Amino acid sequence: MKHLFHFEHRRQPVASPARFSSRLARNGLWALGITVAALVIGMAGYMGFEGMNVIDAFVNAAMILSGMGPLNPLHTAGGKIFAGLYAIFSGLLIFAIAGIILAPVYHRVLHRFHVDETD
């Protein structure tokens, strides 16, 4: 994760299209990995607090993670507290993932404006 947001300095030329594509792919894979990890956390919570099977836990975690809300009604106090905390976590995670995915694009656009062309 050390090089996730490591970009060129303004005195360096704009990255080549191949390097830019590899950055997009790398950040996309990081975003996918973080999303899968968050989905696993949600599934574990629903299985542990509500006793749901894997499929029900998956669909409920996926619905919360996508911002739509739980599919099945919750029956335990622990499950309801978990669902609320997981929903807050998921809402913040959406912004973090958007930042990870869009960082190379924003950097490339801004770098084109500020690149130092003096030799």
C-alpha atoms as a PDB file:
ATOM      1  CA  MET A   1       0.000   0.000   0.000  1.00  0.00           C
ATOM      2  CA  LYS A   2       3.090   2.185   0.180  1.00  0.00           C
ATOM      3  CA  HIS A   3       2.921   3.008  -3.537  1.00  0.00           C
ATOM      4  CA  LEU A   4      -0.861   3.305  -3.791  1.00  0.00           C
ATOM      5  CA  PHE A   5      -0.765   7.108  -3.898  1.00  0.00           C
ATOM      6  CA  HIS A   6       2.803   7.603  -5.112  1.00  0.00           C
ATOM      7  CA  PHE A   7       2.707   9.774  -8.235  1.00  0.00           C
ATOM      8  CA  GLU A   8       5.100  11.939 -10.245  1.00  0.00           C
ATOM      9  CA  HIS A   9       6.333  15.244  -8.955  1.00  0.00           C
ATOM     10  CA  ARG A  10       5.509  18.369 -10.948  1.00  0.00           C
ATOM     11  CA  ARG A  11       9.049  18.453 -12.361  1.00  0.00           C
ATOM     12  CA  GLN A  12       8.618  14.981 -13.819  1.00  0.00           C
ATOM     13  CA  PRO A  13       6.815  14.344 -17.108  1.00  0.00           C
ATOM     14  CA  VAL A  14       3.264  13.011 -17.228  1.00  0.00           C
ATOM     15  CA  ALA A  15       3.155   9.217 -16.933  1.00  0.00           C
ATOM     16  CA  SER A  16       2.942   7.203 -20.126  1.00  0.00           C
ATOM     17  CA  PRO A  17      -0.416   5.680 -21.073  1.00  0.00           C
ATOM     18  CA  ALA A  18       0.894   2.228 -20.148  1.00  0.00           C
ATOM     19  CA  ARG A  19       1.988   3.384 -16.697  1.00  0.00           C
ATOM     20  CA  PHE A  20      -1.315   5.212 -16.213  1.00  0.00           C
ATOM     21  CA  SER A  21      -3.236   2.062 -17.173  1.00  0.00           C
ATOM     22  CA  SER A  22      -1.222  -0.026 -14.744  1.00  0.00           C
ATOM     23  CA  ARG A  23      -1.964   2.512 -11.993  1.00  0.00           C
ATOM     24  CA  LEU A  24      -5.671   2.334 -12.750  1.00  0.00           C
ATOM     25  CA  ALA A  25      -5.533  -1.460 -12.662  1.00  0.00           C
ATOM     26  CA  ARG A  26      -3.524  -1.492  -9.418  1.00  0.00           C
ATOM     27  CA  ASN A  27      -5.884   0.914  -7.683  1.00  0.00           C
ATOM     28  CA  GLY A  28      -8.886  -0.977  -9.044  1.00  0.00           C
ATOM     29  CA  LEU A  29      -7.529  -4.222  -7.607  1.00  0.00           C
ATOM     30  CA  TRP A  30      -6.933  -2.544  -4.248  1.00  0.00           C
ATOM     31  CA  ALA A  31     -10.504  -1.237  -4.276  1.00  0.00           C
ATOM     32  CA  LEU A  32     -11.821  -4.687  -5.157  1.00  0.00           C
ATOM     33  CA  GLY A  33      -9.778  -6.276  -2.370  1.00  0.00           C
ATOM     34  CA  ILE A  34     -11.021  -3.765   0.188  1.00  0.00           C
ATOM     35  CA  THR A  35     -14.600  -4.335  -0.971  1.00  0.00           C
ATOM     36  CA  VAL A  36     -14.257  -8.114  -0.662  1.00  0.00           C
ATOM     37  CA  ALA A  37     -12.729  -7.736   2.817  1.00  0.00           C
ATOM     38  CA  ALA A  38     -15.620  -5.481   3.877  1.00  0.00           C
ATOM     39  CA  LEU A  39     -18.097  -7.988   2.467  1.00  0.00           C
ATOM     40  CA  VAL A  40     -16.470 -10.811   4.449  1.00  0.00           C
ATOM     41  CA  ILE A  41     -16.635  -8.691   7.628  1.00  0.00           C
ATOM     42  CA  GLY A  42     -20.335  -8.083   7.018  1.00  0.00           C
ATOM     43  CA  MET A  43     -21.024 -11.738   6.331  1.00  0.00           C
ATOM     44  CA  ALA A  44     -19.205 -12.776   9.507  1.00  0.00           C
ATOM     45  CA  GLY A  45     -21.209 -10.260  11.523  1.00  0.00           C
ATOM     46  CA  TYR A  46     -24.549 -11.412  10.180  1.00  0.00           C
ATOM     47  CA  MET A  47     -23.625 -15.058  10.654  1.00  0.00           C
ATOM     48  CA  GLY A  48     -22.384 -14.440  14.194  1.00  0.00           C
ATOM     49  CA  PHE A  49     -25.024 -12.028  15.499  1.00  0.00           C
ATOM     50  CA  GLU A  50     -28.090 -13.205  13.594  1.00  0.00           C
ATOM     51  CA  GLY A  51     -27.223 -16.851  12.927  1.00  0.00           C
ATOM     52  CA  MET A  52     -27.808 -16.429   9.182  1.00  0.00           C
ATOM     53  CA  ASN A  53     -26.570 -18.969   6.663  1.00  0.00           C
ATOM     54  CA  VAL A  54     -23.852 -17.974   4.196  1.00  0.00           C
ATOM     55  CA  ILE A  55     -26.220 -16.969   1.382  1.00  0.00           C
ATOM     56  CA  ASP A  56     -28.453 -14.793   3.572  1.00  0.00           C
ATOM     57  CA  ALA A  57     -25.418 -13.226   5.246  1.00  0.00           C
ATOM     58  CA  PHE A  58     -23.913 -12.502   1.818  1.00  0.00           C
ATOM     59  CA  VAL A  59     -27.019 -10.843   0.409  1.00  0.00           C
ATOM     60  CA  ASN A  60     -27.586  -8.739   3.548  1.00  0.00           C
ATOM     61  CA  ALA A  61     -23.948  -7.631   3.694  1.00  0.00           C
ATOM     62  CA  ALA A  62     -23.960  -6.851  -0.037  1.00  0.00           C
ATOM     63  CA  MET A  63     -27.171  -4.837   0.265  1.00  0.00           C
ATOM     64  CA  ILE A  64     -25.808  -2.785   3.178  1.00  0.00           C
ATOM     65  CA  LEU A  65     -22.441  -2.339   1.455  1.00  0.00           C
ATOM     66  CA  SER A  66     -24.162  -1.032  -1.667  1.00  0.00           C
ATOM     67  CA  GLY A  67     -26.253   1.400   0.378  1.00  0.00           C
ATOM     68  CA  MET A  68     -29.637  -0.267  -0.065  1.00  0.00           C
ATOM     69  CA  GLY A  69     -30.266  -1.609   3.444  1.00  0.00           C
ATOM     70  CA  PRO A  70     -30.746  -5.097   4.864  1.00  0.00           C
ATOM     71  CA  LEU A  71     -32.927  -7.613   3.055  1.00  0.00           C
ATOM     72  CA  ASN A  72     -33.989  -9.810   5.983  1.00  0.00           C
ATOM     73  CA  PRO A  73     -35.444  -8.427   9.229  1.00  0.00           C
ATOM     74  CA  LEU A  74     -33.071  -8.491  12.186  1.00  0.00           C
ATOM     75  CA  HIS A  75     -34.150 -10.222  15.399  1.00  0.00           C
ATOM     76  CA  THR A  76     -31.378  -9.679  17.958  1.00  0.00           C
ATOM     77  CA  ALA A  77     -30.165  -6.500  19.607  1.00  0.00           C
ATOM     78  CA  GLY A  78     -26.581  -7.407  18.706  1.00  0.00           C
ATOM     79  CA  GLY A  79     -27.554  -7.911  15.082  1.00  0.00           C
ATOM     80  CA  LYS A  80     -29.266  -4.536  14.940  1.00  0.00           C
ATOM     81  CA  ILE A  81     -26.297  -2.753  16.497  1.00  0.00           C
ATOM     82  CA  PHE A  82     -23.938  -4.561  14.130  1.00  0.00           C
ATOM     83  CA  ALA A  83     -26.092  -3.624  11.122  1.00  0.00           C
ATOM     84  CA  GLY A  84     -26.091   0.034  12.145  1.00  0.00           C
ATOM     85  CA  LEU A  85     -22.334   0.148  12.651  1.00  0.00           C
ATOM     86  CA  TYR A  86     -21.751  -1.801   9.440  1.00  0.00           C
ATOM     87  CA  ALA A  87     -23.972   0.656   7.536  1.00  0.00           C
ATOM     88  CA  ILE A  88     -21.954   3.623   8.844  1.00  0.00           C
ATOM     89  CA  PHE A  89     -18.722   1.815   7.960  1.00  0.00           C
ATOM     90  CA  SER A  90     -20.057   1.012   4.485  1.00  0.00           C
ATOM     91  CA  GLY A  91     -21.071   4.606   3.833  1.00  0.00           C
ATOM     92  CA  LEU A  92     -17.582   5.831   4.655  1.00  0.00           C
ATOM     93  CA  LEU A  93     -16.018   2.993   2.688  1.00  0.00           C
ATOM     94  CA  ILE A  94     -17.788   4.068  -0.495  1.00  0.00           C
ATOM     95  CA  PHE A  95     -16.012   7.433  -0.365  1.00  0.00           C
ATOM     96  CA  ALA A  96     -12.656   5.814   0.393  1.00  0.00           C
ATOM     97  CA  ILE A  97     -12.979   3.386  -2.512  1.00  0.00           C
ATOM     98  CA  ALA A  98     -14.042   6.179  -4.866  1.00  0.00           C
ATOM     99  CA  GLY A  99     -10.933   8.102  -3.814  1.00  0.00           C
ATOM    100  CA  ILE A 100      -8.688   5.107  -4.418  1.00  0.00           C
ATOM    101  CA  ILE A 101     -10.151   4.466  -7.866  1.00  0.00           C
ATOM    102  CA  LEU A 102     -10.211   8.107  -8.985  1.00  0.00           C
ATOM    103  CA  ALA A 103      -6.857   9.221  -7.529  1.00  0.00           C
ATOM    104  CA  PRO A 104      -4.833   8.343 -10.668  1.00  0.00           C
ATOM    105  CA  VAL A 105      -7.350  10.113 -12.911  1.00  0.00           C
ATOM    106  CA  TYR A 106      -7.427  13.281 -10.808  1.00  0.00           C
ATOM    107  CA  HIS A 107      -3.659  13.287 -10.480  1.00  0.00           C
ATOM    108  CA  ARG A 108      -3.175  12.917 -14.227  1.00  0.00           C
ATOM    109  CA  VAL A 109      -5.525  15.812 -15.001  1.00  0.00           C
ATOM    110  CA  LEU A 110      -3.986  18.099 -12.383  1.00  0.00           C
ATOM    111  CA  HIS A 111      -0.455  17.049 -13.317  1.00  0.00           C
ATOM    112  CA  ARG A 112      -1.052  18.117 -16.924  1.00  0.00           C
ATOM    113  CA  PHE A 113      -1.938  21.607 -15.655  1.00  0.00           C
ATOM    114  CA  HIS A 114       1.052  21.922 -13.333  1.00  0.00           C
ATOM    115  CA  VAL A 115       3.848  20.075 -15.100  1.00  0.00           C
ATOM    116  CA  ASP A 116       7.032  22.146 -15.149  1.00  0.00           C
ATOM    117  CA  GLU A 117       7.974  22.448 -18.825  1.00  0.00           C
ATOM    118  CA  THR A 118      11.158  24.474 -18.348  1.00  0.00           C
ATOM    119  CA  ASP A 119      14.390  22.731 -19.268  1.00  0.00           C
END
